[in-house]
Amino acid sequence: PFLIYLAVRSLMSGERQRDLVVRLVLLGGVIVSVWAFYGFVTVG
């Protein structure tokens, strides 16, 4: 996590890059959410 912090601090240079990273993070979250609620519907 500390290396992630150093990498983001030194490599991210503007709003476009920030928004790109955030979009990818949220895309991953949406995929995981679909996975989780599929499990909830079928098992939970």
ModelCIF file with pLDDT and N, C-alpha, C, O atoms, coordinates in Angstrom:
data_MODEL
#
_entry.id   MODEL 
#
_entity.id                         1 
_entity.type                       polymer 
_entity.pdbx_number_of_molecules   1 
#
_entity_poly.entity_id                      1 
_entity_poly.type                           'polypeptide(L)' 
_entity_poly.nstd_linkage                   no 
_entity_poly.nstd_monomer                   no 
_entity_poly.pdbx_seq_one_letter_code       PFLIYLAVRSLMSGERQRDLVVRLVLLGGVIVSVWAFYGFVTVG 
_entity_poly.pdbx_seq_one_letter_code_can   PFLIYLAVRSLMSGERQRDLVVRLVLLGGVIVSVWAFYGFVTVG 
_entity_poly.pdbx_strand_id                 A 
#
loop_
_entity_poly_seq.entity_id 
_entity_poly_seq.num 
_entity_poly_seq.mon_id 
_entity_poly_seq.hetero 
1 1  PRO n 
1 2  PHE n 
1 3  LEU n 
1 4  ILE n 
1 5  TYR n 
1 6  LEU n 
1 7  ALA n 
1 8  VAL n 
1 9  ARG n 
1 10 SER n 
1 11 LEU n 
1 12 MET n 
1 13 SER n 
1 14 GLY n 
1 15 GLU n 
1 16 ARG n 
1 17 GLN n 
1 18 ARG n 
1 19 ASP n 
1 20 LEU n 
1 21 VAL n 
1 22 VAL n 
1 23 ARG n 
1 24 LEU n 
1 25 VAL n 
1 26 LEU n 
1 27 LEU n 
1 28 GLY n 
1 29 GLY n 
1 30 VAL n 
1 31 ILE n 
1 32 VAL n 
1 33 SER n 
1 34 VAL n 
1 35 TRP n 
1 36 ALA n 
1 37 PHE n 
1 38 TYR n 
1 39 GLY n 
1 40 PHE n 
1 41 VAL n 
1 42 THR n 
1 43 VAL n 
1 44 GLY n 
#
_struct_asym.id          A 
_struct_asym.entity_id   1 
#
loop_
_ma_qa_metric.id 
_ma_qa_metric.mode 
_ma_qa_metric.name 
_ma_qa_metric.software_group_id 
_ma_qa_metric.type 
1 global pLDDT . pLDDT 
2 local  pLDDT . pLDDT 
#
_ma_qa_metric_global.metric_id      1 
_ma_qa_metric_global.metric_value   92.27 
_ma_qa_metric_global.model_id       1 
_ma_qa_metric_global.ordinal_id     1 
#
loop_
_ma_qa_metric_local.label_asym_id 
_ma_qa_metric_local.label_comp_id 
_ma_qa_metric_local.label_seq_id 
_ma_qa_metric_local.metric_id 
_ma_qa_metric_local.metric_value 
_ma_qa_metric_local.model_id 
_ma_qa_metric_local.ordinal_id 
A PRO 1  2 94.00 1 1  
A PHE 2  2 94.00 1 2  
A LEU 3  2 92.00 1 3  
A ILE 4  2 93.00 1 4  
A TYR 5  2 95.00 1 5  
A LEU 6  2 92.00 1 6  
A ALA 7  2 90.00 1 7  
A VAL 8  2 92.00 1 8  
A ARG 9  2 92.00 1 9  
A SER 10 2 88.00 1 10 
A LEU 11 2 87.00 1 11 
A MET 12 2 90.00 1 12 
A SER 13 2 86.00 1 13 
A GLY 14 2 87.00 1 14 
A GLU 15 2 91.00 1 15 
A ARG 16 2 91.00 1 16 
A GLN 17 2 92.00 1 17 
A ARG 18 2 93.00 1 18 
A ASP 19 2 93.00 1 19 
A LEU 20 2 91.00 1 20 
A VAL 21 2 94.00 1 21 
A VAL 22 2 95.00 1 22 
A ARG 23 2 94.00 1 23 
A LEU 24 2 92.00 1 24 
A VAL 25 2 95.00 1 25 
A LEU 26 2 96.00 1 26 
A LEU 27 2 93.00 1 27 
A GLY 28 2 93.00 1 28 
A GLY 29 2 96.00 1 29 
A VAL 30 2 96.00 1 30 
A ILE 31 2 93.00 1 31 
A VAL 32 2 94.00 1 32 
A SER 33 2 96.00 1 33 
A VAL 34 2 94.00 1 34 
A TRP 35 2 92.00 1 35 
A ALA 36 2 94.00 1 36 
A PHE 37 2 94.00 1 37 
A TYR 38 2 93.00 1 38 
A GLY 39 2 91.00 1 39 
A PHE 40 2 92.00 1 40 
A VAL 41 2 92.00 1 41 
A THR 42 2 91.00 1 42 
A VAL 43 2 90.00 1 43 
A GLY 44 2 87.00 1 44 
#
loop_
_atom_site.group_PDB 
_atom_site.id 
_atom_site.type_symbol 
_atom_site.label_atom_id 
_atom_site.label_alt_id 
_atom_site.label_comp_id 
_atom_site.label_asym_id 
_atom_site.label_entity_id 
_atom_site.label_seq_id 
_atom_site.pdbx_PDB_ins_code 
_atom_site.Cartn_x 
_atom_site.Cartn_y 
_atom_site.Cartn_z 
_atom_site.occupancy 
_atom_site.B_iso_or_equiv 
_atom_site.pdbx_formal_charge 
_atom_site.auth_seq_id 
_atom_site.auth_comp_id 
_atom_site.auth_asym_id 
_atom_site.auth_atom_id 
_atom_site.pdbx_PDB_model_num 
ATOM 1   N N  . PRO A 1 1  ? 0.821   -1.227  0.000   1.00 94.00 ? 1  PRO A N  1 
ATOM 2   C CA . PRO A 1 1  ? 0.000   0.000   0.000   1.00 94.00 ? 1  PRO A CA 1 
ATOM 3   C C  . PRO A 1 1  ? 0.849   1.270   0.000   1.00 94.00 ? 1  PRO A C  1 
ATOM 4   O O  . PRO A 1 1  ? 0.488   2.268   -0.623  1.00 94.00 ? 1  PRO A O  1 
ATOM 5   N N  . PHE A 1 2  ? 1.984   1.222   0.707   1.00 94.00 ? 2  PHE A N  1 
ATOM 6   C CA . PHE A 1 2  ? 2.874   2.381   0.758   1.00 94.00 ? 2  PHE A CA 1 
ATOM 7   C C  . PHE A 1 2  ? 3.475   2.659   -0.618  1.00 94.00 ? 2  PHE A C  1 
ATOM 8   O O  . PHE A 1 2  ? 3.633   3.818   -1.003  1.00 94.00 ? 2  PHE A O  1 
ATOM 9   N N  . LEU A 1 3  ? 3.809   1.604   -1.358  1.00 92.00 ? 3  LEU A N  1 
ATOM 10  C CA . LEU A 1 3  ? 4.326   1.772   -2.721  1.00 92.00 ? 3  LEU A CA 1 
ATOM 11  C C  . LEU A 1 3  ? 3.247   2.326   -3.647  1.00 92.00 ? 3  LEU A C  1 
ATOM 12  O O  . LEU A 1 3  ? 3.538   3.134   -4.529  1.00 92.00 ? 3  LEU A O  1 
ATOM 13  N N  . ILE A 1 4  ? 2.001   1.894   -3.448  1.00 93.00 ? 4  ILE A N  1 
ATOM 14  C CA . ILE A 1 4  ? 0.891   2.451   -4.220  1.00 93.00 ? 4  ILE A CA 1 
ATOM 15  C C  . ILE A 1 4  ? 0.792   3.961   -3.979  1.00 93.00 ? 4  ILE A C  1 
ATOM 16  O O  . ILE A 1 4  ? 0.611   4.737   -4.917  1.00 93.00 ? 4  ILE A O  1 
ATOM 17  N N  . TYR A 1 5  ? 0.912   4.356   -2.736  1.00 95.00 ? 5  TYR A N  1 
ATOM 18  C CA . TYR A 1 5  ? 0.868   5.774   -2.366  1.00 95.00 ? 5  TYR A CA 1 
ATOM 19  C C  . TYR A 1 5  ? 1.982   6.556   -3.060  1.00 95.00 ? 5  TYR A C  1 
ATOM 20  O O  . TYR A 1 5  ? 1.734   7.627   -3.615  1.00 95.00 ? 5  TYR A O  1 
ATOM 21  N N  . LEU A 1 6  ? 3.202   6.032   -3.034  1.00 92.00 ? 6  LEU A N  1 
ATOM 22  C CA . LEU A 1 6  ? 4.324   6.716   -3.666  1.00 92.00 ? 6  LEU A CA 1 
ATOM 23  C C  . LEU A 1 6  ? 4.137   6.794   -5.177  1.00 92.00 ? 6  LEU A C  1 
ATOM 24  O O  . LEU A 1 6  ? 4.426   7.818   -5.795  1.00 92.00 ? 6  LEU A O  1 
ATOM 25  N N  . ALA A 1 7  ? 3.651   5.697   -5.768  1.00 90.00 ? 7  ALA A N  1 
ATOM 26  C CA . ALA A 1 7  ? 3.463   5.671   -7.219  1.00 90.00 ? 7  ALA A CA 1 
ATOM 27  C C  . ALA A 1 7  ? 2.405   6.670   -7.654  1.00 90.00 ? 7  ALA A C  1 
ATOM 28  O O  . ALA A 1 7  ? 2.616   7.416   -8.610  1.00 90.00 ? 7  ALA A O  1 
ATOM 29  N N  . VAL A 1 8  ? 1.278   6.695   -6.973  1.00 92.00 ? 8  VAL A N  1 
ATOM 30  C CA . VAL A 1 8  ? 0.191   7.615   -7.341  1.00 92.00 ? 8  VAL A CA 1 
ATOM 31  C C  . VAL A 1 8  ? 0.633   9.059   -7.129  1.00 92.00 ? 8  VAL A C  1 
ATOM 32  O O  . VAL A 1 8  ? 0.367   9.922   -7.966  1.00 92.00 ? 8  VAL A O  1 
ATOM 33  N N  . ARG A 1 9  ? 1.298   9.318   -6.027  1.00 92.00 ? 9  ARG A N  1 
ATOM 34  C CA . ARG A 1 9  ? 1.740   10.686  -5.728  1.00 92.00 ? 9  ARG A CA 1 
ATOM 35  C C  . ARG A 1 9  ? 2.713   11.211  -6.785  1.00 92.00 ? 9  ARG A C  1 
ATOM 36  O O  . ARG A 1 9  ? 2.686   12.395  -7.119  1.00 92.00 ? 9  ARG A O  1 
ATOM 37  N N  . SER A 1 10 ? 3.564   10.340  -7.306  1.00 88.00 ? 10 SER A N  1 
ATOM 38  C CA . SER A 1 10 ? 4.587   10.796  -8.246  1.00 88.00 ? 10 SER A CA 1 
ATOM 39  C C  . SER A 1 10 ? 4.163   10.690  -9.705  1.00 88.00 ? 10 SER A C  1 
ATOM 40  O O  . SER A 1 10 ? 4.720   11.390  -10.550 1.00 88.00 ? 10 SER A O  1 
ATOM 41  N N  . LEU A 1 11 ? 3.182   9.824   -10.031 1.00 87.00 ? 11 LEU A N  1 
ATOM 42  C CA . LEU A 1 11 ? 2.819   9.577   -11.424 1.00 87.00 ? 11 LEU A CA 1 
ATOM 43  C C  . LEU A 1 11 ? 1.556   10.294  -11.876 1.00 87.00 ? 11 LEU A C  1 
ATOM 44  O O  . LEU A 1 11 ? 1.426   10.612  -13.058 1.00 87.00 ? 11 LEU A O  1 
ATOM 45  N N  . MET A 1 12 ? 0.636   10.553  -10.980 1.00 90.00 ? 12 MET A N  1 
ATOM 46  C CA . MET A 1 12 ? -0.624  11.190  -11.361 1.00 90.00 ? 12 MET A CA 1 
ATOM 47  C C  . MET A 1 12 ? -0.393  12.686  -11.539 1.00 90.00 ? 12 MET A C  1 
ATOM 48  O O  . MET A 1 12 ? 0.032   13.373  -10.610 1.00 90.00 ? 12 MET A O  1 
ATOM 49  N N  . SER A 1 13 ? -0.678  13.182  -12.744 1.00 86.00 ? 13 SER A N  1 
ATOM 50  C CA . SER A 1 13 ? -0.312  14.565  -13.041 1.00 86.00 ? 13 SER A CA 1 
ATOM 51  C C  . SER A 1 13 ? -1.490  15.478  -13.358 1.00 86.00 ? 13 SER A C  1 
ATOM 52  O O  . SER A 1 13 ? -1.280  16.641  -13.700 1.00 86.00 ? 13 SER A O  1 
ATOM 53  N N  . GLY A 1 14 ? -2.717  14.988  -13.255 1.00 87.00 ? 14 GLY A N  1 
ATOM 54  C CA . GLY A 1 14 ? -3.830  15.868  -13.550 1.00 87.00 ? 14 GLY A CA 1 
ATOM 55  C C  . GLY A 1 14 ? -5.177  15.205  -13.355 1.00 87.00 ? 14 GLY A C  1 
ATOM 56  O O  . GLY A 1 14 ? -5.263  14.026  -13.012 1.00 87.00 ? 14 GLY A O  1 
ATOM 57  N N  . GLU A 1 15 ? -6.234  15.980  -13.580 1.00 91.00 ? 15 GLU A N  1 
ATOM 58  C CA . GLU A 1 15 ? -7.588  15.496  -13.350 1.00 91.00 ? 15 GLU A CA 1 
ATOM 59  C C  . GLU A 1 15 ? -7.969  14.353  -14.282 1.00 91.00 ? 15 GLU A C  1 
ATOM 60  O O  . GLU A 1 15 ? -8.695  13.444  -13.879 1.00 91.00 ? 15 GLU A O  1 
ATOM 61  N N  . ARG A 1 16 ? -7.487  14.388  -15.529 1.00 91.00 ? 16 ARG A N  1 
ATOM 62  C CA . ARG A 1 16 ? -7.836  13.318  -16.469 1.00 91.00 ? 16 ARG A CA 1 
ATOM 63  C C  . ARG A 1 16 ? -7.342  11.972  -15.954 1.00 91.00 ? 16 ARG A C  1 
ATOM 64  O O  . ARG A 1 16 ? -8.073  10.982  -15.983 1.00 91.00 ? 16 ARG A O  1 
ATOM 65  N N  . GLN A 1 17 ? -6.122  11.941  -15.493 1.00 92.00 ? 17 GLN A N  1 
ATOM 66  C CA . GLN A 1 17 ? -5.571  10.695  -14.972 1.00 92.00 ? 17 GLN A CA 1 
ATOM 67  C C  . GLN A 1 17 ? -6.287  10.285  -13.690 1.00 92.00 ? 17 GLN A C  1 
ATOM 68  O O  . GLN A 1 17 ? -6.559  9.104   -13.473 1.00 92.00 ? 17 GLN A O  1 
ATOM 69  N N  . ARG A 1 18 ? -6.586  11.251  -12.856 1.00 93.00 ? 18 ARG A N  1 
ATOM 70  C CA . ARG A 1 18 ? -7.327  10.943  -11.628 1.00 93.00 ? 18 ARG A CA 1 
ATOM 71  C C  . ARG A 1 18 ? -8.674  10.317  -11.946 1.00 93.00 ? 18 ARG A C  1 
ATOM 72  O O  . ARG A 1 18 ? -9.049  9.304   -11.357 1.00 93.00 ? 18 ARG A O  1 
ATOM 73  N N  . ASP A 1 19 ? -9.398  10.919  -12.875 1.00 93.00 ? 19 ASP A N  1 
ATOM 74  C CA . ASP A 1 19 ? -10.724 10.405  -13.224 1.00 93.00 ? 19 ASP A CA 1 
ATOM 75  C C  . ASP A 1 19 ? -10.640 9.036   -13.891 1.00 93.00 ? 19 ASP A C  1 
ATOM 76  O O  . ASP A 1 19 ? -11.519 8.195   -13.701 1.00 93.00 ? 19 ASP A O  1 
ATOM 77  N N  . LEU A 1 20 ? -9.578  8.809   -14.678 1.00 91.00 ? 20 LEU A N  1 
ATOM 78  C CA . LEU A 1 20 ? -9.403  7.500   -15.308 1.00 91.00 ? 20 LEU A CA 1 
ATOM 79  C C  . LEU A 1 20 ? -9.230  6.419   -14.251 1.00 91.00 ? 20 LEU A C  1 
ATOM 80  O O  . LEU A 1 20 ? -9.851  5.359   -14.331 1.00 91.00 ? 20 LEU A O  1 
ATOM 81  N N  . VAL A 1 21 ? -8.385  6.689   -13.262 1.00 94.00 ? 21 VAL A N  1 
ATOM 82  C CA . VAL A 1 21 ? -8.158  5.709   -12.201 1.00 94.00 ? 21 VAL A CA 1 
ATOM 83  C C  . VAL A 1 21 ? -9.436  5.466   -11.408 1.00 94.00 ? 21 VAL A C  1 
ATOM 84  O O  . VAL A 1 21 ? -9.779  4.318   -11.122 1.00 94.00 ? 21 VAL A O  1 
ATOM 85  N N  . VAL A 1 22 ? -10.138 6.528   -11.053 1.00 95.00 ? 22 VAL A N  1 
ATOM 86  C CA . VAL A 1 22 ? -11.372 6.384   -10.277 1.00 95.00 ? 22 VAL A CA 1 
ATOM 87  C C  . VAL A 1 22 ? -12.412 5.580   -11.056 1.00 95.00 ? 22 VAL A C  1 
ATOM 88  O O  . VAL A 1 22 ? -13.113 4.745   -10.485 1.00 95.00 ? 22 VAL A O  1 
ATOM 89  N N  . ARG A 1 23 ? -12.510 5.836   -12.366 1.00 94.00 ? 23 ARG A N  1 
ATOM 90  C CA . ARG A 1 23 ? -13.475 5.079   -13.180 1.00 94.00 ? 23 ARG A CA 1 
ATOM 91  C C  . ARG A 1 23 ? -13.143 3.591   -13.188 1.00 94.00 ? 23 ARG A C  1 
ATOM 92  O O  . ARG A 1 23 ? -14.038 2.753   -13.083 1.00 94.00 ? 23 ARG A O  1 
ATOM 93  N N  . LEU A 1 24 ? -11.858 3.263   -13.314 1.00 92.00 ? 24 LEU A N  1 
ATOM 94  C CA . LEU A 1 24 ? -11.470 1.854   -13.304 1.00 92.00 ? 24 LEU A CA 1 
ATOM 95  C C  . LEU A 1 24 ? -11.751 1.218   -11.943 1.00 92.00 ? 24 LEU A C  1 
ATOM 96  O O  . LEU A 1 24 ? -12.184 0.068   -11.869 1.00 92.00 ? 24 LEU A O  1 
ATOM 97  N N  . VAL A 1 25 ? -11.509 1.960   -10.880 1.00 95.00 ? 25 VAL A N  1 
ATOM 98  C CA . VAL A 1 25 ? -11.806 1.446   -9.536  1.00 95.00 ? 25 VAL A CA 1 
ATOM 99  C C  . VAL A 1 25 ? -13.301 1.165   -9.393  1.00 95.00 ? 25 VAL A C  1 
ATOM 100 O O  . VAL A 1 25 ? -13.691 0.119   -8.875  1.00 95.00 ? 25 VAL A O  1 
ATOM 101 N N  . LEU A 1 26 ? -14.132 2.093   -9.848  1.00 96.00 ? 26 LEU A N  1 
ATOM 102 C CA . LEU A 1 26 ? -15.583 1.911   -9.751  1.00 96.00 ? 26 LEU A CA 1 
ATOM 103 C C  . LEU A 1 26 ? -16.061 0.796   -10.672 1.00 96.00 ? 26 LEU A C  1 
ATOM 104 O O  . LEU A 1 26 ? -16.997 0.072   -10.334 1.00 96.00 ? 26 LEU A O  1 
ATOM 105 N N  . LEU A 1 27 ? -15.425 0.651   -11.836 1.00 93.00 ? 27 LEU A N  1 
ATOM 106 C CA . LEU A 1 27 ? -15.779 -0.455  -12.726 1.00 93.00 ? 27 LEU A CA 1 
ATOM 107 C C  . LEU A 1 27 ? -15.529 -1.788  -12.034 1.00 93.00 ? 27 LEU A C  1 
ATOM 108 O O  . LEU A 1 27 ? -16.356 -2.698  -12.099 1.00 93.00 ? 27 LEU A O  1 
ATOM 109 N N  . GLY A 1 28 ? -14.383 -1.894  -11.373 1.00 93.00 ? 28 GLY A N  1 
ATOM 110 C CA . GLY A 1 28 ? -14.117 -3.103  -10.600 1.00 93.00 ? 28 GLY A CA 1 
ATOM 111 C C  . GLY A 1 28 ? -15.140 -3.312  -9.512  1.00 93.00 ? 28 GLY A C  1 
ATOM 112 O O  . GLY A 1 28 ? -15.567 -4.438  -9.262  1.00 93.00 ? 28 GLY A O  1 
ATOM 113 N N  . GLY A 1 29 ? -15.541 -2.218  -8.854  1.00 96.00 ? 29 GLY A N  1 
ATOM 114 C CA . GLY A 1 29 ? -16.550 -2.322  -7.805  1.00 96.00 ? 29 GLY A CA 1 
ATOM 115 C C  . GLY A 1 29 ? -17.895 -2.780  -8.330  1.00 96.00 ? 29 GLY A C  1 
ATOM 116 O O  . GLY A 1 29 ? -18.589 -3.552  -7.668  1.00 96.00 ? 29 GLY A O  1 
ATOM 117 N N  . VAL A 1 30 ? -18.269 -2.315  -9.509  1.00 96.00 ? 30 VAL A N  1 
ATOM 118 C CA . VAL A 1 30 ? -19.538 -2.735  -10.114 1.00 96.00 ? 30 VAL A CA 1 
ATOM 119 C C  . VAL A 1 30 ? -19.501 -4.227  -10.451 1.00 96.00 ? 30 VAL A C  1 
ATOM 120 O O  . VAL A 1 30 ? -20.467 -4.948  -10.200 1.00 96.00 ? 30 VAL A O  1 
ATOM 121 N N  . ILE A 1 31 ? -18.380 -4.688  -11.022 1.00 93.00 ? 31 ILE A N  1 
ATOM 122 C CA . ILE A 1 31 ? -18.251 -6.109  -11.339 1.00 93.00 ? 31 ILE A CA 1 
ATOM 123 C C  . ILE A 1 31 ? -18.370 -6.961  -10.081 1.00 93.00 ? 31 ILE A C  1 
ATOM 124 O O  . ILE A 1 31 ? -19.058 -7.981  -10.070 1.00 93.00 ? 31 ILE A O  1 
ATOM 125 N N  . VAL A 1 32 ? -17.697 -6.535  -9.032  1.00 94.00 ? 32 VAL A N  1 
ATOM 126 C CA . VAL A 1 32 ? -17.772 -7.271  -7.766  1.00 94.00 ? 32 VAL A CA 1 
ATOM 127 C C  . VAL A 1 32 ? -19.193 -7.229  -7.211  1.00 94.00 ? 32 VAL A C  1 
ATOM 128 O O  . VAL A 1 32 ? -19.663 -8.218  -6.650  1.00 94.00 ? 32 VAL A O  1 
ATOM 129 N N  . SER A 1 33 ? -19.879 -6.101  -7.361  1.00 96.00 ? 33 SER A N  1 
ATOM 130 C CA . SER A 1 33 ? -21.257 -5.989  -6.865  1.00 96.00 ? 33 SER A CA 1 
ATOM 131 C C  . SER A 1 33 ? -22.188 -6.960  -7.584  1.00 96.00 ? 33 SER A C  1 
ATOM 132 O O  . SER A 1 33 ? -23.022 -7.614  -6.958  1.00 96.00 ? 33 SER A O  1 
ATOM 133 N N  . VAL A 1 34 ? -22.037 -7.046  -8.901  1.00 94.00 ? 34 VAL A N  1 
ATOM 134 C CA . VAL A 1 34 ? -22.849 -7.999  -9.665  1.00 94.00 ? 34 VAL A CA 1 
ATOM 135 C C  . VAL A 1 34 ? -22.578 -9.416  -9.186  1.00 94.00 ? 34 VAL A C  1 
ATOM 136 O O  . VAL A 1 34 ? -23.502 -10.212 -9.016  1.00 94.00 ? 34 VAL A O  1 
ATOM 137 N N  . TRP A 1 35 ? -21.301 -9.726  -8.970  1.00 92.00 ? 35 TRP A N  1 
ATOM 138 C CA . TRP A 1 35 ? -20.907 -11.034 -8.469  1.00 92.00 ? 35 TRP A CA 1 
ATOM 139 C C  . TRP A 1 35 ? -21.541 -11.297 -7.097  1.00 92.00 ? 35 TRP A C  1 
ATOM 140 O O  . TRP A 1 35 ? -22.084 -12.374 -6.847  1.00 92.00 ? 35 TRP A O  1 
ATOM 141 N N  . ALA A 1 36 ? -21.461 -10.297 -6.219  1.00 94.00 ? 36 ALA A N  1 
ATOM 142 C CA . ALA A 1 36 ? -21.971 -10.466 -4.854  1.00 94.00 ? 36 ALA A CA 1 
ATOM 143 C C  . ALA A 1 36 ? -23.484 -10.658 -4.846  1.00 94.00 ? 36 ALA A C  1 
ATOM 144 O O  . ALA A 1 36 ? -23.987 -11.543 -4.153  1.00 94.00 ? 36 ALA A O  1 
ATOM 145 N N  . PHE A 1 37 ? -24.216 -9.846  -5.604  1.00 94.00 ? 37 PHE A N  1 
ATOM 146 C CA . PHE A 1 37 ? -25.673 -9.958  -5.571  1.00 94.00 ? 37 PHE A CA 1 
ATOM 147 C C  . PHE A 1 37 ? -26.176 -11.177 -6.324  1.00 94.00 ? 37 PHE A C  1 
ATOM 148 O O  . PHE A 1 37 ? -27.270 -11.667 -6.046  1.00 94.00 ? 37 PHE A O  1 
ATOM 149 N N  . TYR A 1 38 ? -25.391 -11.673 -7.276  1.00 93.00 ? 38 TYR A N  1 
ATOM 150 C CA . TYR A 1 38 ? -25.732 -12.961 -7.882  1.00 93.00 ? 38 TYR A CA 1 
ATOM 151 C C  . TYR A 1 38 ? -25.678 -14.053 -6.819  1.00 93.00 ? 38 TYR A C  1 
ATOM 152 O O  . TYR A 1 38 ? -26.556 -14.914 -6.754  1.00 93.00 ? 38 TYR A O  1 
ATOM 153 N N  . GLY A 1 39 ? -24.639 -14.008 -5.988  1.00 91.00 ? 39 GLY A N  1 
ATOM 154 C CA . GLY A 1 39 ? -24.555 -14.959 -4.885  1.00 91.00 ? 39 GLY A CA 1 
ATOM 155 C C  . GLY A 1 39 ? -25.673 -14.787 -3.881  1.00 91.00 ? 39 GLY A C  1 
ATOM 156 O O  . GLY A 1 39 ? -26.170 -15.760 -3.313  1.00 91.00 ? 39 GLY A O  1 
ATOM 157 N N  . PHE A 1 40 ? -26.068 -13.531 -3.663  1.00 92.00 ? 40 PHE A N  1 
ATOM 158 C CA . PHE A 1 40 ? -27.153 -13.292 -2.711  1.00 92.00 ? 40 PHE A CA 1 
ATOM 159 C C  . PHE A 1 40 ? -28.472 -13.860 -3.229  1.00 92.00 ? 40 PHE A C  1 
ATOM 160 O O  . PHE A 1 40 ? -29.224 -14.484 -2.480  1.00 92.00 ? 40 PHE A O  1 
ATOM 161 N N  . VAL A 1 41 ? -28.747 -13.640 -4.513  1.00 92.00 ? 41 VAL A N  1 
ATOM 162 C CA . VAL A 1 41 ? -30.005 -14.133 -5.087  1.00 92.00 ? 41 VAL A CA 1 
ATOM 163 C C  . VAL A 1 41 ? -30.050 -15.654 -5.113  1.00 92.00 ? 41 VAL A C  1 
ATOM 164 O O  . VAL A 1 41 ? -31.086 -16.254 -4.828  1.00 92.00 ? 41 VAL A O  1 
ATOM 165 N N  . THR A 1 42 ? -28.924 -16.278 -5.455  1.00 91.00 ? 42 THR A N  1 
ATOM 166 C CA . THR A 1 42 ? -28.909 -17.738 -5.601  1.00 91.00 ? 42 THR A CA 1 
ATOM 167 C C  . THR A 1 42 ? -28.707 -18.485 -4.292  1.00 91.00 ? 42 THR A C  1 
ATOM 168 O O  . THR A 1 42 ? -29.181 -19.611 -4.144  1.00 91.00 ? 42 THR A O  1 
ATOM 169 N N  . VAL A 1 43 ? -28.015 -17.878 -3.348  1.00 90.00 ? 43 VAL A N  1 
ATOM 170 C CA . VAL A 1 43 ? -27.709 -18.561 -2.085  1.00 90.00 ? 43 VAL A CA 1 
ATOM 171 C C  . VAL A 1 43 ? -28.284 -17.826 -0.886  1.00 90.00 ? 43 VAL A C  1 
ATOM 172 O O  . VAL A 1 43 ? -28.908 -18.433 -0.016  1.00 90.00 ? 43 VAL A O  1 
ATOM 173 N N  . GLY A 1 44 ? -28.070 -16.501 -0.846  1.00 87.00 ? 44 GLY A N  1 
ATOM 174 C CA . GLY A 1 44 ? -28.478 -15.737 0.324   1.00 87.00 ? 44 GLY A CA 1 
ATOM 175 C C  . GLY A 1 44 ? -29.972 -15.608 0.488   1.00 87.00 ? 44 GLY A C  1 
ATOM 176 O O  . GLY A 1 44 ? -30.437 -14.983 1.441   1.00 87.00 ? 44 GLY A O  1 
#
